[in-house]
C-alpha atoms as a PDB file:
ATOM      1  CA  UNK A   1      14.914  -8.686 -12.855  1.00  0.00           C
ATOM      2  CA  UNK A   2      13.532  -5.599 -10.843  1.00  0.00           C
ATOM      3  CA  UNK A   3      15.490  -3.895  -8.128  1.00  0.00           C
ATOM      4  CA  UNK A   4      13.143  -4.496  -5.501  1.00  0.00           C
ATOM      5  CA  UNK A   5      13.154  -8.599  -6.044  1.00  0.00           C
ATOM      6  CA  UNK A   6      17.037  -8.347  -6.191  1.00  0.00           C
ATOM      7  CA  UNK A   7      16.881  -6.697  -2.875  1.00  0.00           C
ATOM      8  CA  UNK A   8      14.470  -9.258  -1.291  1.00  0.00           C
ATOM      9  CA  UNK A   9      16.954 -12.139  -2.629  1.00  0.00           C
ATOM     10  CA  UNK A  10      19.945 -10.481  -1.439  1.00  0.00           C
ATOM     11  CA  UNK A  11      18.605 -10.531   2.205  1.00  0.00           C
ATOM     12  CA  UNK A  12      15.854 -13.346   2.168  1.00  0.00           C
ATOM     13  CA  UNK A  13      17.219 -15.812  -0.526  1.00  0.00           C
ATOM     14  CA  UNK A  14      14.844 -16.749  -3.496  1.00  0.00           C
ATOM     15  CA  UNK A  15      11.378 -16.974  -3.012  1.00  0.00           C
ATOM     16  CA  UNK A  16       9.393 -20.202  -4.449  1.00  0.00           C
ATOM     17  CA  UNK A  17       9.178 -20.278  -7.739  1.00  0.00           C
ATOM     18  CA  UNK A  18       6.540 -18.158  -9.282  1.00  0.00           C
ATOM     19  CA  UNK A  19       6.104 -16.090  -5.980  1.00  0.00           C
ATOM     20  CA  UNK A  20       5.964 -12.346  -6.338  1.00  0.00           C
ATOM     21  CA  UNK A  21       7.338  -9.642  -3.936  1.00  0.00           C
ATOM     22  CA  UNK A  22       4.722  -7.297  -2.421  1.00  0.00           C
ATOM     23  CA  UNK A  23       5.480  -3.703  -1.256  1.00  0.00           C
ATOM     24  CA  UNK A  24       3.682  -3.977   1.929  1.00  0.00           C
ATOM     25  CA  UNK A  25       2.828   0.145   1.992  1.00  0.00           C
ATOM     26  CA  UNK A  26       1.814   0.105  -1.385  1.00  0.00           C
ATOM     27  CA  UNK A  27       4.374   2.284  -2.303  1.00  0.00           C
ATOM     28  CA  UNK A  28       6.377   0.943  -5.255  1.00  0.00           C
ATOM     29  CA  UNK A  29       9.545   3.138  -5.086  1.00  0.00           C
ATOM     30  CA  UNK A  30       9.777   1.987  -1.313  1.00  0.00           C
ATOM     31  CA  UNK A  31      12.370  -0.879  -1.382  1.00  0.00           C
ATOM     32  CA  UNK A  32      13.167  -1.001   1.814  1.00  0.00           C
ATOM     33  CA  UNK A  33      13.866  -4.477   3.104  1.00  0.00           C
ATOM     34  CA  UNK A  34      11.253  -4.204   5.855  1.00  0.00           C
ATOM     35  CA  UNK A  35       8.817  -3.099   2.960  1.00  0.00           C
ATOM     36  CA  UNK A  36       9.144  -6.349   0.940  1.00  0.00           C
ATOM     37  CA  UNK A  37       7.504  -9.675   1.565  1.00  0.00           C
ATOM     38  CA  UNK A  38       7.480 -12.701  -1.212  1.00  0.00           C
ATOM     39  CA  UNK A  39       3.841 -13.839  -1.816  1.00  0.00           C
ATOM     40  CA  UNK A  40       2.190 -16.470  -3.635  1.00  0.00           C
ATOM     41  CA  UNK A  41       0.500 -15.076  -7.014  1.00  0.00           C
ATOM     42  CA  UNK A  42      -2.919 -15.740  -6.168  1.00  0.00           C
ATOM     43  CA  UNK A  43      -2.784 -13.916  -2.518  1.00  0.00           C
ATOM     44  CA  UNK A  44      -1.077 -11.243  -4.200  1.00  0.00           C
ATOM     45  CA  UNK A  45      -4.077 -10.767  -6.605  1.00  0.00           C
ATOM     46  CA  UNK A  46      -6.356 -10.586  -3.792  1.00  0.00           C
ATOM     47  CA  UNK A  47      -4.271  -8.253  -1.727  1.00  0.00           C
ATOM     48  CA  UNK A  48      -4.534  -5.945  -4.334  1.00  0.00           C
ATOM     49  CA  UNK A  49      -8.289  -6.531  -5.103  1.00  0.00           C
ATOM     50  CA  UNK A  50      -8.883  -5.894  -1.375  1.00  0.00           C
ATOM     51  CA  UNK A  51      -6.716  -2.790  -0.687  1.00  0.00           C
ATOM     52  CA  UNK A  52      -5.939  -1.533  -4.316  1.00  0.00           C
ATOM     53  CA  UNK A  53      -2.453  -0.680  -5.440  1.00  0.00           C
ATOM     54  CA  UNK A  54      -2.069   2.176  -2.622  1.00  0.00           C
ATOM     55  CA  UNK A  55      -4.302   0.834  -0.011  1.00  0.00           C
ATOM     56  CA  UNK A  56      -8.047   1.727   1.022  1.00  0.00           C
ATOM     57  CA  UNK A  57      -9.030   5.232   1.838  1.00  0.00           C
ATOM     58  CA  UNK A  58     -11.254   4.902   4.515  1.00  0.00           C
ATOM     59  CA  UNK A  59     -13.165   7.513   6.228  1.00  0.00           C
ATOM     60  CA  UNK A  60     -12.510   7.867  10.182  1.00  0.00           C
ATOM     61  CA  UNK A  61     -14.889  10.068  12.316  1.00  0.00           C
ATOM     62  CA  UNK A  62     -13.621  12.219  15.345  1.00  0.00           C
ATOM     63  CA  UNK A  63     -15.911  14.637  17.296  1.00  0.00           C
ATOM     64  CA  UNK A  64     -14.494  17.818  17.844  1.00  0.00           C
ATOM     65  CA  UNK A  65     -15.459  20.708  20.512  1.00  0.00           C
ATOM     66  CA  UNK A  66     -16.754  22.494  17.086  1.00  0.00           C
ATOM     67  CA  UNK A  67     -18.758  19.515  15.987  1.00  0.00           C
ATOM     68  CA  UNK A  68     -18.179  16.385  13.682  1.00  0.00           C
ATOM     69  CA  UNK A  69     -14.873  16.097  11.810  1.00  0.00           C
ATOM     70  CA  UNK A  70     -14.080  13.600   9.247  1.00  0.00           C
ATOM     71  CA  UNK A  71     -10.705  12.349   8.532  1.00  0.00           C
ATOM     72  CA  UNK A  72      -9.516  10.141   5.822  1.00  0.00           C
ATOM     73  CA  UNK A  73      -6.705   7.354   6.330  1.00  0.00           C
ATOM     74  CA  UNK A  74      -5.224   4.625   4.082  1.00  0.00           C
ATOM     75  CA  UNK A  75      -6.011   0.896   5.422  1.00  0.00           C
ATOM     76  CA  UNK A  76      -3.172  -1.208   4.570  1.00  0.00           C
ATOM     77  CA  UNK A  77      -2.270  -4.847   6.131  1.00  0.00           C
ATOM     78  CA  UNK A  78       0.540  -5.098   8.377  1.00  0.00           C
ATOM     79  CA  UNK A  79       3.521  -7.094   7.824  1.00  0.00           C
ATOM     80  CA  UNK A  80       2.307  -9.625  10.635  1.00  0.00           C
ATOM     81  CA  UNK A  81      -1.301  -9.838   8.674  1.00  0.00           C
ATOM     82  CA  UNK A  82       0.337 -10.459   5.390  1.00  0.00           C
ATOM     83  CA  UNK A  83       2.951 -12.881   6.997  1.00  0.00           C
ATOM     84  CA  UNK A  84      -0.335 -14.799   8.440  1.00  0.00           C
ATOM     85  CA  UNK A  85      -2.144 -14.518   4.953  1.00  0.00           C
ATOM     86  CA  UNK A  86       0.733 -16.140   3.113  1.00  0.00           C
ATOM     87  CA  UNK A  87       0.778 -18.924   5.957  1.00  0.00           C
ATOM     88  CA  UNK A  88      -2.738 -19.555   5.718  1.00  0.00           C
ATOM     89  CA  UNK A  89      -2.846 -19.323   1.949  1.00  0.00           C
ATOM     90  CA  UNK A  90       0.163 -21.696   1.777  1.00  0.00           C
ATOM     91  CA  UNK A  91      -1.605 -24.392   4.003  1.00  0.00           C
ATOM     92  CA  UNK A  92      -4.803 -23.976   1.992  1.00  0.00           C
ATOM     93  CA  UNK A  93      -3.162 -25.060  -1.313  1.00  0.00           C
ATOM     94  CA  UNK A  94      -1.829 -28.117   0.295  1.00  0.00           C
ATOM     95  CA  UNK A  95      -5.061 -29.044   1.196  1.00  0.00           C
ATOM     96  CA  UNK A  96      -6.479 -28.651  -1.954  1.00  0.00           C
ATOM     97  CA  UNK A  97      -3.570 -30.558  -3.694  1.00  0.00           C
ATOM     98  CA  UNK A  98      -3.980 -33.851  -1.509  1.00  0.00           C
END
């Protein structure tokens, strides 16, 4: 069992069977408990398909006095957004199984 899964279980208990533990910031070395969330496997796959392993690099534009300047930053979902997705995903799975 992975160290981050052990840490998650120690703080939150066992996740539902088959669920994955996801690193919110995309850094698998950051095993801080606030960076870990349990997600269903299909949602975990969706997260990585949408955001990649370390987040999407997006370009933002800022206008400076000397002209246009381009900056890059990572786009990652927040804990709150992931918690919403988990709740929504579980509700959809229940609806489909009826």
